[in-house]
Amino acid sequence: MDTNNQNPAAEISFNKDNLYKEETFTDLQSGSIKHLIPVKTDGSPDESRPPMFMAQAQIMSAAGPLPIQCVLEANNLEEAIAAFPGAVKQTVDKIIEEAKRLRMEEASRIVVPDAQTTSKIIT
């Protein structure tokens, strides 16, 4: 058997020690807040790990809708709702800065013509 063409699906595994149950809350406008509750493999709450809140939203870009997801620093739903706008804005700002950085890197690349193009320039 050729080991260079191994099935990548064979490497997929499910981490039974990092299970969460999801509750989703939405305002039907801005996005959703996911409450991730740690659970054991039998589905009972895992009190040894803290729950988490995550924000989910979309922004429109030139290429279409861009999904945004970020962790909310919150201990309860009320705090998560209050943290949602700032966390999403901060994530969007990071995405914009990264896009600008990548655009600048791409624009500053030195393009070296190949031999065929060089011969056309010289003649």
PDB file of N, CA and C in Angstrom:
ATOM      1  N   MET A   1       0.834  -1.185   0.000  1.00  0.00           N
ATOM      2  CA  MET A   1       0.000   0.000   0.000  1.00  0.00           C
ATOM      3  C   MET A   1       0.874   1.243   0.000  1.00  0.00           C
ATOM      4  N   ASP A   2       0.532   2.238  -0.771  1.00  0.00           N
ATOM      5  CA  ASP A   2       1.288   3.480  -0.875  1.00  0.00           C
ATOM      6  C   ASP A   2       0.974   4.356   0.334  1.00  0.00           C
ATOM      7  N   THR A   3       1.978   4.630   1.179  1.00  0.00           N
ATOM      8  CA  THR A   3       1.762   5.429   2.387  1.00  0.00           C
ATOM      9  C   THR A   3       1.643   6.918   2.099  1.00  0.00           C
ATOM     10  N   ASN A   4       2.024   7.364   0.881  1.00  0.00           N
ATOM     11  CA  ASN A   4       1.911   8.783   0.540  1.00  0.00           C
ATOM     12  C   ASN A   4       0.467   9.201   0.291  1.00  0.00           C
ATOM     13  N   ASN A   5      -0.405   8.268  -0.031  1.00  0.00           N
ATOM     14  CA  ASN A   5      -1.801   8.567  -0.327  1.00  0.00           C
ATOM     15  C   ASN A   5      -2.731   8.045   0.766  1.00  0.00           C
ATOM     16  N   GLN A   6      -2.323   8.190   2.023  1.00  0.00           N
ATOM     17  CA  GLN A   6      -3.143   7.710   3.118  1.00  0.00           C
ATOM     18  C   GLN A   6      -4.440   8.502   3.193  1.00  0.00           C
ATOM     19  N   ASN A   7      -5.462   7.860   3.676  1.00  0.00           N
ATOM     20  CA  ASN A   7      -6.779   8.477   3.817  1.00  0.00           C
ATOM     21  C   ASN A   7      -6.758   9.457   4.995  1.00  0.00           C
ATOM     22  N   PRO A   8      -6.954  10.774   4.741  1.00  0.00           N
ATOM     23  CA  PRO A   8      -6.938  11.735   5.845  1.00  0.00           C
ATOM     24  C   PRO A   8      -8.080  11.497   6.831  1.00  0.00           C
ATOM     25  N   ALA A   9      -9.152  10.865   6.387  1.00  0.00           N
ATOM     26  CA  ALA A   9     -10.263  10.580   7.292  1.00  0.00           C
ATOM     27  C   ALA A   9      -9.858   9.589   8.371  1.00  0.00           C
ATOM     28  N   ALA A  10      -8.840   8.790   8.114  1.00  0.00           N
ATOM     29  CA  ALA A  10      -8.376   7.815   9.094  1.00  0.00           C
ATOM     30  C   ALA A  10      -7.778   8.500  10.321  1.00  0.00           C
ATOM     31  N   GLU A  11      -7.389   9.765  10.186  1.00  0.00           N
ATOM     32  CA  GLU A  11      -6.777  10.505  11.287  1.00  0.00           C
ATOM     33  C   GLU A  11      -7.795  11.259  12.137  1.00  0.00           C
ATOM     34  N   ILE A  12      -9.064  11.254  11.747  1.00  0.00           N
ATOM     35  CA  ILE A  12     -10.089  11.977  12.484  1.00  0.00           C
ATOM     36  C   ILE A  12     -10.407  11.239  13.775  1.00  0.00           C
ATOM     37  N   SER A  13     -10.470  11.984  14.857  1.00  0.00           N
ATOM     38  CA  SER A  13     -10.867  11.407  16.137  1.00  0.00           C
ATOM     39  C   SER A  13     -11.757  12.403  16.862  1.00  0.00           C
ATOM     40  N   PHE A  14     -12.462  11.951  17.866  1.00  0.00           N
ATOM     41  CA  PHE A  14     -13.382  12.785  18.640  1.00  0.00           C
ATOM     42  C   PHE A  14     -12.880  12.791  20.071  1.00  0.00           C
ATOM     43  N   ASN A  15     -12.589  13.983  20.603  1.00  0.00           N
ATOM     44  CA  ASN A  15     -12.015  14.103  21.938  1.00  0.00           C
ATOM     45  C   ASN A  15     -13.112  13.978  22.993  1.00  0.00           C
ATOM     46  N   LYS A  16     -13.261  12.808  23.570  1.00  0.00           N
ATOM     47  CA  LYS A  16     -14.311  12.567  24.555  1.00  0.00           C
ATOM     48  C   LYS A  16     -14.066  13.298  25.868  1.00  0.00           C
ATOM     49  N   ASP A  17     -12.871  13.848  26.050  1.00  0.00           N
ATOM     50  CA  ASP A  17     -12.562  14.587  27.277  1.00  0.00           C
ATOM     51  C   ASP A  17     -12.822  16.080  27.137  1.00  0.00           C
ATOM     52  N   ASN A  18     -13.358  16.511  25.991  1.00  0.00           N
ATOM     53  CA  ASN A  18     -13.611  17.929  25.751  1.00  0.00           C
ATOM     54  C   ASN A  18     -15.014  18.121  25.157  1.00  0.00           C
ATOM     55  N   LEU A  19     -16.008  17.499  25.785  1.00  0.00           N
ATOM     56  CA  LEU A  19     -17.374  17.558  25.282  1.00  0.00           C
ATOM     57  C   LEU A  19     -18.128  18.737  25.881  1.00  0.00           C
ATOM     58  N   TYR A  20     -18.948  19.374  25.036  1.00  0.00           N
ATOM     59  CA  TYR A  20     -19.782  20.492  25.461  1.00  0.00           C
ATOM     60  C   TYR A  20     -21.186  20.315  24.904  1.00  0.00           C
ATOM     61  N   LYS A  21     -22.155  20.700  25.682  1.00  0.00           N
ATOM     62  CA  LYS A  21     -23.537  20.779  25.212  1.00  0.00           C
ATOM     63  C   LYS A  21     -23.776  22.237  24.857  1.00  0.00           C
ATOM     64  N   GLU A  22     -24.469  22.482  23.748  1.00  0.00           N
ATOM     65  CA  GLU A  22     -24.702  23.849  23.270  1.00  0.00           C
ATOM     66  C   GLU A  22     -26.132  24.301  23.517  1.00  0.00           C
ATOM     67  N   GLU A  23     -26.238  25.549  23.974  1.00  0.00           N
ATOM     68  CA  GLU A  23     -27.514  26.260  23.973  1.00  0.00           C
ATOM     69  C   GLU A  23     -27.277  27.490  23.115  1.00  0.00           C
ATOM     70  N   THR A  24     -28.205  27.810  22.240  1.00  0.00           N
ATOM     71  CA  THR A  24     -28.033  28.951  21.356  1.00  0.00           C
ATOM     72  C   THR A  24     -29.115  29.981  21.626  1.00  0.00           C
ATOM     73  N   PHE A  25     -28.690  31.247  21.722  1.00  0.00           N
ATOM     74  CA  PHE A  25     -29.594  32.370  21.926  1.00  0.00           C
ATOM     75  C   PHE A  25     -29.386  33.344  20.777  1.00  0.00           C
ATOM     76  N   THR A  26     -30.455  33.879  20.233  1.00  0.00           N
ATOM     77  CA  THR A  26     -30.323  34.832  19.134  1.00  0.00           C
ATOM     78  C   THR A  26     -31.337  35.951  19.286  1.00  0.00           C
ATOM     79  N   ASP A  27     -30.974  37.121  18.765  1.00  0.00           N
ATOM     80  CA  ASP A  27     -31.916  38.241  18.720  1.00  0.00           C
ATOM     81  C   ASP A  27     -32.533  38.361  17.326  1.00  0.00           C
ATOM     82  N   LEU A  28     -32.207  37.426  16.441  1.00  0.00           N
ATOM     83  CA  LEU A  28     -32.684  37.390  15.052  1.00  0.00           C
ATOM     84  C   LEU A  28     -32.254  38.606  14.242  1.00  0.00           C
ATOM     85  N   GLN A  29     -31.256  39.327  14.715  1.00  0.00           N
ATOM     86  CA  GLN A  29     -30.743  40.497  14.000  1.00  0.00           C
ATOM     87  C   GLN A  29     -29.227  40.475  13.925  1.00  0.00           C
ATOM     88  N   SER A  30     -28.587  40.577  15.073  1.00  0.00           N
ATOM     89  CA  SER A  30     -27.142  40.764  15.112  1.00  0.00           C
ATOM     90  C   SER A  30     -26.354  39.465  15.034  1.00  0.00           C
ATOM     91  N   GLY A  31     -26.923  38.401  15.559  1.00  0.00           N
ATOM     92  CA  GLY A  31     -26.187  37.153  15.566  1.00  0.00           C
ATOM     93  C   GLY A  31     -26.684  36.231  16.647  1.00  0.00           C
ATOM     94  N   SER A  32     -25.782  35.375  17.101  1.00  0.00           N
ATOM     95  CA  SER A  32     -26.124  34.379  18.108  1.00  0.00           C
ATOM     96  C   SER A  32     -25.070  34.336  19.191  1.00  0.00           C
ATOM     97  N   ILE A  33     -25.505  33.895  20.355  1.00  0.00           N
ATOM     98  CA  ILE A  33     -24.594  33.615  21.454  1.00  0.00           C
ATOM     99  C   ILE A  33     -24.763  32.141  21.785  1.00  0.00           C
ATOM    100  N   LYS A  34     -23.656  31.425  21.775  1.00  0.00           N
ATOM    101  CA  LYS A  34     -23.679  30.019  22.139  1.00  0.00           C
ATOM    102  C   LYS A  34     -23.190  29.876  23.577  1.00  0.00           C
ATOM    103  N   HIS A  35     -23.948  29.164  24.372  1.00  0.00           N
ATOM    104  CA  HIS A  35     -23.545  28.820  25.730  1.00  0.00           C
ATOM    105  C   HIS A  35     -23.059  27.381  25.667  1.00  0.00           C
ATOM    106  N   LEU A  36     -21.787  27.179  25.904  1.00  0.00           N
ATOM    107  CA  LEU A  36     -21.175  25.855  25.826  1.00  0.00           C
ATOM    108  C   LEU A  36     -20.998  25.317  27.243  1.00  0.00           C
ATOM    109  N   ILE A  37     -21.726  24.265  27.538  1.00  0.00           N
ATOM    110  CA  ILE A  37     -21.742  23.691  28.876  1.00  0.00           C
ATOM    111  C   ILE A  37     -20.929  22.405  28.858  1.00  0.00           C
ATOM    112  N   PRO A  38     -19.846  22.327  29.652  1.00  0.00           N
ATOM    113  CA  PRO A  38     -19.032  21.112  29.638  1.00  0.00           C
ATOM    114  C   PRO A  38     -19.816  19.917  30.190  1.00  0.00           C
ATOM    115  N   VAL A  39     -19.680  18.799  29.511  1.00  0.00           N
ATOM    116  CA  VAL A  39     -20.354  17.572  29.945  1.00  0.00           C
ATOM    117  C   VAL A  39     -19.390  16.392  29.910  1.00  0.00           C
ATOM    118  N   LYS A  40     -19.748  15.366  30.656  1.00  0.00           N
ATOM    119  CA  LYS A  40     -19.006  14.113  30.651  1.00  0.00           C
ATOM    120  C   LYS A  40     -19.569  13.231  29.537  1.00  0.00           C
ATOM    121  N   THR A  41     -18.952  12.105  29.279  1.00  0.00           N
ATOM    122  CA  THR A  41     -19.393  11.234  28.197  1.00  0.00           C
ATOM    123  C   THR A  41     -20.792  10.665  28.423  1.00  0.00           C
ATOM    124  N   ASP A  42     -21.277  10.668  29.664  1.00  0.00           N
ATOM    125  CA  ASP A  42     -22.645  10.207  29.915  1.00  0.00           C
ATOM    126  C   ASP A  42     -23.666  11.336  29.773  1.00  0.00           C
ATOM    127  N   GLY A  43     -23.188  12.553  29.437  1.00  0.00           N
ATOM    128  CA  GLY A  43     -24.076  13.698  29.241  1.00  0.00           C
ATOM    129  C   GLY A  43     -24.321  14.516  30.491  1.00  0.00           C
ATOM    130  N   SER A  44     -23.808  14.062  31.620  1.00  0.00           N
ATOM    131  CA  SER A  44     -23.999  14.822  32.864  1.00  0.00           C
ATOM    132  C   SER A  44     -23.034  16.005  32.901  1.00  0.00           C
ATOM    133  N   PRO A  45     -23.393  17.084  33.619  1.00  0.00           N
ATOM    134  CA  PRO A  45     -22.513  18.259  33.683  1.00  0.00           C
ATOM    135  C   PRO A  45     -21.133  17.909  34.237  1.00  0.00           C
ATOM    136  N   ASP A  46     -20.110  18.513  33.654  1.00  0.00           N
ATOM    137  CA  ASP A  46     -18.734  18.344  34.127  1.00  0.00           C
ATOM    138  C   ASP A  46     -18.363  19.604  34.896  1.00  0.00           C
ATOM    139  N   GLU A  47     -18.524  19.550  36.202  1.00  0.00           N
ATOM    140  CA  GLU A  47     -18.288  20.716  37.064  1.00  0.00           C
ATOM    141  C   GLU A  47     -16.808  21.092  37.168  1.00  0.00           C
ATOM    142  N   SER A  48     -15.909  20.245  36.682  1.00  0.00           N
ATOM    143  CA  SER A  48     -14.477  20.538  36.792  1.00  0.00           C
ATOM    144  C   SER A  48     -14.018  21.543  35.730  1.00  0.00           C
ATOM    145  N   ARG A  49     -14.866  21.820  34.734  1.00  0.00           N
ATOM    146  CA  ARG A  49     -14.509  22.772  33.680  1.00  0.00           C
ATOM    147  C   ARG A  49     -15.538  23.886  33.631  1.00  0.00           C
ATOM    148  N   PRO A  50     -15.085  25.108  33.334  1.00  0.00           N
ATOM    149  CA  PRO A  50     -16.027  26.231  33.291  1.00  0.00           C
ATOM    150  C   PRO A  50     -16.823  26.262  31.989  1.00  0.00           C
ATOM    151  N   PRO A  51     -18.070  26.752  32.036  1.00  0.00           N
ATOM    152  CA  PRO A  51     -18.821  26.957  30.794  1.00  0.00           C
ATOM    153  C   PRO A  51     -18.207  28.099  29.998  1.00  0.00           C
ATOM    154  N   MET A  52     -18.537  28.147  28.717  1.00  0.00           N
ATOM    155  CA  MET A  52     -18.017  29.200  27.838  1.00  0.00           C
ATOM    156  C   MET A  52     -19.166  29.816  27.065  1.00  0.00           C
ATOM    157  N   PHE A  53     -18.947  31.057  26.622  1.00  0.00           N
ATOM    158  CA  PHE A  53     -19.892  31.734  25.743  1.00  0.00           C
ATOM    159  C   PHE A  53     -19.143  32.137  24.485  1.00  0.00           C
ATOM    160  N   MET A  54     -19.793  31.954  23.327  1.00  0.00           N
ATOM    161  CA  MET A  54     -19.197  32.336  22.062  1.00  0.00           C
ATOM    162  C   MET A  54     -20.177  33.177  21.266  1.00  0.00           C
ATOM    163  N   ALA A  55     -19.653  34.208  20.609  1.00  0.00           N
ATOM    164  CA  ALA A  55     -20.460  35.060  19.732  1.00  0.00           C
ATOM    165  C   ALA A  55     -20.338  34.544  18.308  1.00  0.00           C
ATOM    166  N   GLN A  56     -21.441  34.609  17.573  1.00  0.00           N
ATOM    167  CA  GLN A  56     -21.435  34.295  16.152  1.00  0.00           C
ATOM    168  C   GLN A  56     -22.223  35.374  15.427  1.00  0.00           C
ATOM    169  N   ALA A  57     -21.621  35.895  14.360  1.00  0.00           N
ATOM    170  CA  ALA A  57     -22.268  36.930  13.559  1.00  0.00           C
ATOM    171  C   ALA A  57     -21.744  36.823  12.128  1.00  0.00           C
ATOM    172  N   GLN A  58     -22.289  37.656  11.252  1.00  0.00           N
ATOM    173  CA  GLN A  58     -21.817  37.726   9.873  1.00  0.00           C
ATOM    174  C   GLN A  58     -21.665  39.186   9.490  1.00  0.00           C
ATOM    175  N   ILE A  59     -20.647  39.457   8.688  1.00  0.00           N
ATOM    176  CA  ILE A  59     -20.526  40.779   8.077  1.00  0.00           C
ATOM    177  C   ILE A  59     -20.480  40.564   6.572  1.00  0.00           C
ATOM    178  N   MET A  60     -20.936  41.550   5.850  1.00  0.00           N
ATOM    179  CA  MET A  60     -20.882  41.463   4.392  1.00  0.00           C
ATOM    180  C   MET A  60     -19.530  41.959   3.910  1.00  0.00           C
ATOM    181  N   SER A  61     -18.957  41.230   2.984  1.00  0.00           N
ATOM    182  CA  SER A  61     -17.694  41.625   2.369  1.00  0.00           C
ATOM    183  C   SER A  61     -17.896  41.620   0.863  1.00  0.00           C
ATOM    184  N   ALA A  62     -16.894  42.048   0.143  1.00  0.00           N
ATOM    185  CA  ALA A  62     -16.977  42.051  -1.320  1.00  0.00           C
ATOM    186  C   ALA A  62     -17.160  40.636  -1.855  1.00  0.00           C
ATOM    187  N   ALA A  63     -16.686  39.647  -1.106  1.00  0.00           N
ATOM    188  CA  ALA A  63     -16.798  38.250  -1.533  1.00  0.00           C
ATOM    189  C   ALA A  63     -18.054  37.574  -0.985  1.00  0.00           C
ATOM    190  N   GLY A  64     -18.904  38.334  -0.289  1.00  0.00           N
ATOM    191  CA  GLY A  64     -20.119  37.766   0.283  1.00  0.00           C
ATOM    192  C   GLY A  64     -20.062  37.757   1.799  1.00  0.00           C
ATOM    193  N   PRO A  65     -20.993  37.062   2.441  1.00  0.00           N
ATOM    194  CA  PRO A  65     -21.029  37.069   3.901  1.00  0.00           C
ATOM    195  C   PRO A  65     -19.801  36.380   4.504  1.00  0.00           C
ATOM    196  N   LEU A  66     -19.252  37.001   5.531  1.00  0.00           N
ATOM    197  CA  LEU A  66     -18.075  36.488   6.210  1.00  0.00           C
ATOM    198  C   LEU A  66     -18.469  36.130   7.639  1.00  0.00           C
ATOM    199  N   PRO A  67     -18.361  34.847   8.013  1.00  0.00           N
ATOM    200  CA  PRO A  67     -18.738  34.470   9.377  1.00  0.00           C
ATOM    201  C   PRO A  67     -17.717  34.961  10.396  1.00  0.00           C
ATOM    202  N   ILE A  68     -18.219  35.431  11.511  1.00  0.00           N
ATOM    203  CA  ILE A  68     -17.385  35.913  12.611  1.00  0.00           C
ATOM    204  C   ILE A  68     -17.713  35.062  13.828  1.00  0.00           C
ATOM    205  N   GLN A  69     -16.687  34.597  14.515  1.00  0.00           N
ATOM    206  CA  GLN A  69     -16.891  33.834  15.735  1.00  0.00           C
ATOM    207  C   GLN A  69     -15.811  34.225  16.723  1.00  0.00           C
ATOM    208  N   CYS A  70     -16.198  34.450  17.974  1.00  0.00           N
ATOM    209  CA  CYS A  70     -15.216  34.802  18.992  1.00  0.00           C
ATOM    210  C   CYS A  70     -15.718  34.389  20.377  1.00  0.00           C
ATOM    211  N   VAL A  71     -14.783  34.204  21.277  1.00  0.00           N
ATOM    212  CA  VAL A  71     -15.101  33.857  22.654  1.00  0.00           C
ATOM    213  C   VAL A  71     -15.537  35.122  23.382  1.00  0.00           C
ATOM    214  N   LEU A  72     -16.553  34.993  24.204  1.00  0.00           N
ATOM    215  CA  LEU A  72     -17.027  36.109  25.025  1.00  0.00           C
ATOM    216  C   LEU A  72     -16.553  35.901  26.453  1.00  0.00           C
ATOM    217  N   GLU A  73     -15.922  36.907  27.010  1.00  0.00           N
ATOM    218  CA  GLU A  73     -15.505  36.836  28.410  1.00  0.00           C
ATOM    219  C   GLU A  73     -16.732  37.123  29.264  1.00  0.00           C
ATOM    220  N   ALA A  74     -17.382  36.061  29.741  1.00  0.00           N
ATOM    221  CA  ALA A  74     -18.626  36.219  30.476  1.00  0.00           C
ATOM    222  C   ALA A  74     -18.848  35.025  31.390  1.00  0.00           C
ATOM    223  N   ASN A  75     -19.540  35.285  32.494  1.00  0.00           N
ATOM    224  CA  ASN A  75     -19.877  34.230  33.441  1.00  0.00           C
ATOM    225  C   ASN A  75     -21.341  33.817  33.349  1.00  0.00           C
ATOM    226  N   ASN A  76     -22.145  34.627  32.653  1.00  0.00           N
ATOM    227  CA  ASN A  76     -23.564  34.320  32.510  1.00  0.00           C
ATOM    228  C   ASN A  76     -24.076  34.961  31.223  1.00  0.00           C
ATOM    229  N   LEU A  77     -25.318  34.664  30.878  1.00  0.00           N
ATOM    230  CA  LEU A  77     -25.878  35.149  29.617  1.00  0.00           C
ATOM    231  C   LEU A  77     -25.943  36.674  29.579  1.00  0.00           C
ATOM    232  N   GLU A  78     -26.302  37.298  30.679  1.00  0.00           N
ATOM    233  CA  GLU A  78     -26.393  38.766  30.710  1.00  0.00           C
ATOM    234  C   GLU A  78     -25.040  39.405  30.395  1.00  0.00           C
ATOM    235  N   GLU A  79     -23.974  38.880  30.978  1.00  0.00           N
ATOM    236  CA  GLU A  79     -22.629  39.399  30.692  1.00  0.00           C
ATOM    237  C   GLU A  79     -22.243  39.120  29.239  1.00  0.00           C
ATOM    238  N   ALA A  80     -22.643  37.963  28.716  1.00  0.00           N
ATOM    239  CA  ALA A  80     -22.333  37.618  27.329  1.00  0.00           C
ATOM    240  C   ALA A  80     -23.019  38.585  26.367  1.00  0.00           C
ATOM    241  N   ILE A  81     -24.280  38.931  26.663  1.00  0.00           N
ATOM    242  CA  ILE A  81     -25.013  39.890  25.822  1.00  0.00           C
ATOM    243  C   ILE A  81     -24.314  41.242  25.841  1.00  0.00           C
ATOM    244  N   ALA A  82     -23.871  41.668  27.007  1.00  0.00           N
ATOM    245  CA  ALA A  82     -23.178  42.956  27.125  1.00  0.00           C
ATOM    246  C   ALA A  82     -21.832  42.930  26.402  1.00  0.00           C
ATOM    247  N   ALA A  83     -21.152  41.780  26.413  1.00  0.00           N
ATOM    248  CA  ALA A  83     -19.828  41.673  25.792  1.00  0.00           C
ATOM    249  C   ALA A  83     -19.892  41.483  24.278  1.00  0.00           C
ATOM    250  N   PHE A  84     -21.040  41.057  23.759  1.00  0.00           N
ATOM    251  CA  PHE A  84     -21.185  40.705  22.344  1.00  0.00           C
ATOM    252  C   PHE A  84     -20.718  41.810  21.391  1.00  0.00           C
ATOM    253  N   PRO A  85     -21.251  43.041  21.477  1.00  0.00           N
ATOM    254  CA  PRO A  85     -20.864  44.063  20.479  1.00  0.00           C
ATOM    255  C   PRO A  85     -19.363  44.357  20.462  1.00  0.00           C
ATOM    256  N   GLY A  86     -18.770  44.517  21.621  1.00  0.00           N
ATOM    257  CA  GLY A  86     -17.345  44.841  21.688  1.00  0.00           C
ATOM    258  C   GLY A  86     -16.470  43.711  21.173  1.00  0.00           C
ATOM    259  N   ALA A  87     -16.821  42.470  21.520  1.00  0.00           N
ATOM    260  CA  ALA A  87     -16.027  41.321  21.089  1.00  0.00           C
ATOM    261  C   ALA A  87     -16.108  41.131  19.580  1.00  0.00           C
ATOM    262  N   VAL A  88     -17.296  41.288  19.010  1.00  0.00           N
ATOM    263  CA  VAL A  88     -17.449  41.139  17.563  1.00  0.00           C
ATOM    264  C   VAL A  88     -16.693  42.258  16.848  1.00  0.00           C
ATOM    265  N   LYS A  89     -16.810  43.489  17.339  1.00  0.00           N
ATOM    266  CA  LYS A  89     -16.096  44.616  16.721  1.00  0.00           C
ATOM    267  C   LYS A  89     -14.585  44.385  16.771  1.00  0.00           C
ATOM    268  N   GLN A  90     -14.091  43.933  17.908  1.00  0.00           N
ATOM    269  CA  GLN A  90     -12.660  43.678  18.044  1.00  0.00           C
ATOM    270  C   GLN A  90     -12.209  42.583  17.062  1.00  0.00           C
ATOM    271  N   THR A  91     -13.004  41.549  16.903  1.00  0.00           N
ATOM    272  CA  THR A  91     -12.669  40.472  15.969  1.00  0.00           C
ATOM    273  C   THR A  91     -12.686  40.972  14.529  1.00  0.00           C
ATOM    274  N   VAL A  92     -13.687  41.769  14.176  1.00  0.00           N
ATOM    275  CA  VAL A  92     -13.767  42.335  12.825  1.00  0.00           C
ATOM    276  C   VAL A  92     -12.560  43.238  12.569  1.00  0.00           C
ATOM    277  N   ASP A  93     -12.194  44.071  13.557  1.00  0.00           N
ATOM    278  CA  ASP A  93     -11.023  44.940  13.407  1.00  0.00           C
ATOM    279  C   ASP A  93      -9.751  44.123  13.164  1.00  0.00           C
ATOM    280  N   LYS A  94      -9.603  42.999  13.875  1.00  0.00           N
ATOM    281  CA  LYS A  94      -8.434  42.133  13.677  1.00  0.00           C
ATOM    282  C   LYS A  94      -8.429  41.547  12.267  1.00  0.00           C
ATOM    283  N   ILE A  95      -9.594  41.144  11.789  1.00  0.00           N
ATOM    284  CA  ILE A  95      -9.696  40.574  10.441  1.00  0.00           C
ATOM    285  C   ILE A  95      -9.323  41.628   9.400  1.00  0.00           C
ATOM    286  N   ILE A  96      -9.805  42.850   9.575  1.00  0.00           N
ATOM    287  CA  ILE A  96      -9.494  43.939   8.640  1.00  0.00           C
ATOM    288  C   ILE A  96      -8.001  44.230   8.647  1.00  0.00           C
ATOM    289  N   GLU A  97      -7.393  44.296   9.832  1.00  0.00           N
ATOM    290  CA  GLU A  97      -5.954  44.563   9.922  1.00  0.00           C
ATOM    291  C   GLU A  97      -5.143  43.448   9.260  1.00  0.00           C
ATOM    292  N   GLU A  98      -5.561  42.216   9.469  1.00  0.00           N
ATOM    293  CA  GLU A  98      -4.860  41.085   8.853  1.00  0.00           C
ATOM    294  C   GLU A  98      -4.990  41.144   7.333  1.00  0.00           C
ATOM    295  N   ALA A  99      -6.166  41.498   6.832  1.00  0.00           N
ATOM    296  CA  ALA A  99      -6.360  41.620   5.385  1.00  0.00           C
ATOM    297  C   ALA A  99      -5.479  42.732   4.819  1.00  0.00           C
ATOM    298  N   LYS A 100      -5.381  43.852   5.528  1.00  0.00           N
ATOM    299  CA  LYS A 100      -4.515  44.955   5.083  1.00  0.00           C
ATOM    300  C   LYS A 100      -3.058  44.508   5.054  1.00  0.00           C
ATOM    301  N   ARG A 101      -2.634  43.794   6.098  1.00  0.00           N
ATOM    302  CA  ARG A 101      -1.250  43.321   6.168  1.00  0.00           C
ATOM    303  C   ARG A 101      -0.956  42.376   5.009  1.00  0.00           C
ATOM    304  N   LEU A 102      -1.863  41.458   4.746  1.00  0.00           N
ATOM    305  CA  LEU A 102      -1.657  40.518   3.639  1.00  0.00           C
ATOM    306  C   LEU A 102      -1.635  41.232   2.297  1.00  0.00           C
ATOM    307  N   ARG A 103      -2.492  42.234   2.142  1.00  0.00           N
ATOM    308  CA  ARG A 103      -2.518  43.010   0.894  1.00  0.00           C
ATOM    309  C   ARG A 103      -1.192  43.742   0.703  1.00  0.00           C
ATOM    310  N   MET A 104      -0.658  44.331   1.778  1.00  0.00           N
ATOM    311  CA  MET A 104       0.622  45.042   1.686  1.00  0.00           C
ATOM    312  C   MET A 104       1.755  44.077   1.363  1.00  0.00           C
ATOM    313  N   GLU A 105       1.765  42.904   1.992  1.00  0.00           N
ATOM    314  CA  GLU A 105       2.798  41.906   1.704  1.00  0.00           C
ATOM    315  C   GLU A 105       2.751  41.489   0.238  1.00  0.00           C
ATOM    316  N   GLU A 106       1.542  41.273  -0.253  1.00  0.00           N
ATOM    317  CA  GLU A 106       1.379  40.856  -1.651  1.00  0.00           C
ATOM    318  C   GLU A 106       1.841  41.962  -2.599  1.00  0.00           C
ATOM    319  N   ALA A 107       1.508  43.212  -2.269  1.00  0.00           N
ATOM    320  CA  ALA A 107       1.883  44.335  -3.136  1.00  0.00           C
ATOM    321  C   ALA A 107       3.388  44.586  -3.124  1.00  0.00           C
ATOM    322  N   SER A 108       4.059  44.222  -2.035  1.00  0.00           N
ATOM    323  CA  SER A 108       5.488  44.503  -1.940  1.00  0.00           C
ATOM    324  C   SER A 108       6.360  43.362  -2.469  1.00  0.00           C
ATOM    325  N   ARG A 109       5.737  42.283  -2.898  1.00  0.00           N
ATOM    326  CA  ARG A 109       6.517  41.177  -3.459  1.00  0.00           C
ATOM    327  C   ARG A 109       7.200  41.625  -4.735  1.00  0.00           C
ATOM    328  N   ILE A 110       8.434  41.211  -4.891  1.00  0.00           N
ATOM    329  CA  ILE A 110       9.186  41.523  -6.103  1.00  0.00           C
ATOM    330  C   ILE A 110       8.836  40.466  -7.147  1.00  0.00           C
ATOM    331  N   VAL A 111       8.386  40.928  -8.288  1.00  0.00           N
ATOM    332  CA  VAL A 111       8.041  40.018  -9.376  1.00  0.00           C
ATOM    333  C   VAL A 111       9.222  39.975 -10.333  1.00  0.00           C
ATOM    334  N   VAL A 112       9.758  38.799 -10.492  1.00  0.00           N
ATOM    335  CA  VAL A 112      10.890  38.604 -11.394  1.00  0.00           C
ATOM    336  C   VAL A 112      10.352  37.975 -12.668  1.00  0.00           C
ATOM    337  N   PRO A 113      10.540  38.641 -13.813  1.00  0.00           N
ATOM    338  CA  PRO A 113      10.023  38.074 -15.066  1.00  0.00           C
ATOM    339  C   PRO A 113      10.778  36.803 -15.427  1.00  0.00           C
ATOM    340  N   ASP A 114      10.076  35.915 -16.081  1.00  0.00           N
ATOM    341  CA  ASP A 114      10.726  34.686 -16.542  1.00  0.00           C
ATOM    342  C   ASP A 114      11.531  34.992 -17.807  1.00  0.00           C
ATOM    343  N   ALA A 115      12.263  34.000 -18.292  1.00  0.00           N
ATOM    344  CA  ALA A 115      13.160  34.180 -19.449  1.00  0.00           C
ATOM    345  C   ALA A 115      12.373  34.586 -20.695  1.00  0.00           C
ATOM    346  N   GLN A 116      11.202  34.026 -20.887  1.00  0.00           N
ATOM    347  CA  GLN A 116      10.403  34.342 -22.085  1.00  0.00           C
ATOM    348  C   GLN A 116       9.979  35.813 -22.066  1.00  0.00           C
ATOM    349  N   THR A 117       9.537  36.315 -20.911  1.00  0.00           N
ATOM    350  CA  THR A 117       9.141  37.720 -20.799  1.00  0.00           C
ATOM    351  C   THR A 117      10.348  38.626 -20.969  1.00  0.00           C
ATOM    352  N   THR A 118      11.485  38.258 -20.388  1.00  0.00           N
ATOM    353  CA  THR A 118      12.706  39.059 -20.507  1.00  0.00           C
ATOM    354  C   THR A 118      13.151  39.178 -21.949  1.00  0.00           C
ATOM    355  N   SER A 119      13.074  38.094 -22.706  1.00  0.00           N
ATOM    356  CA  SER A 119      13.501  38.145 -24.108  1.00  0.00           C
ATOM    357  C   SER A 119      12.601  39.068 -24.910  1.00  0.00           C
ATOM    358  N   LYS A 120      11.335  39.175 -24.565  1.00  0.00           N
ATOM    359  CA  LYS A 120      10.420  40.068 -25.277  1.00  0.00           C
ATOM    360  C   LYS A 120      10.725  41.527 -24.942  1.00  0.00           C
ATOM    361  N   ILE A 121      11.157  41.782 -23.722  1.00  0.00           N
ATOM    362  CA  ILE A 121      11.474  43.153 -23.310  1.00  0.00           C
ATOM    363  C   ILE A 121      12.743  43.620 -24.025  1.00  0.00           C
ATOM    364  N   ILE A 122      13.728  42.781 -24.156  1.00  0.00           N
ATOM    365  CA  ILE A 122      15.017  43.149 -24.738  1.00  0.00           C
ATOM    366  C   ILE A 122      14.891  43.363 -26.236  1.00  0.00           C
ATOM    367  N   THR A 123      14.071  42.630 -26.935  1.00  0.00           N
ATOM    368  CA  THR A 123      14.002  42.731 -28.386  1.00  0.00           C
ATOM    369  C   THR A 123      13.242  43.925 -28.851  1.00  0.00           C
TER     370      THR A 123
END
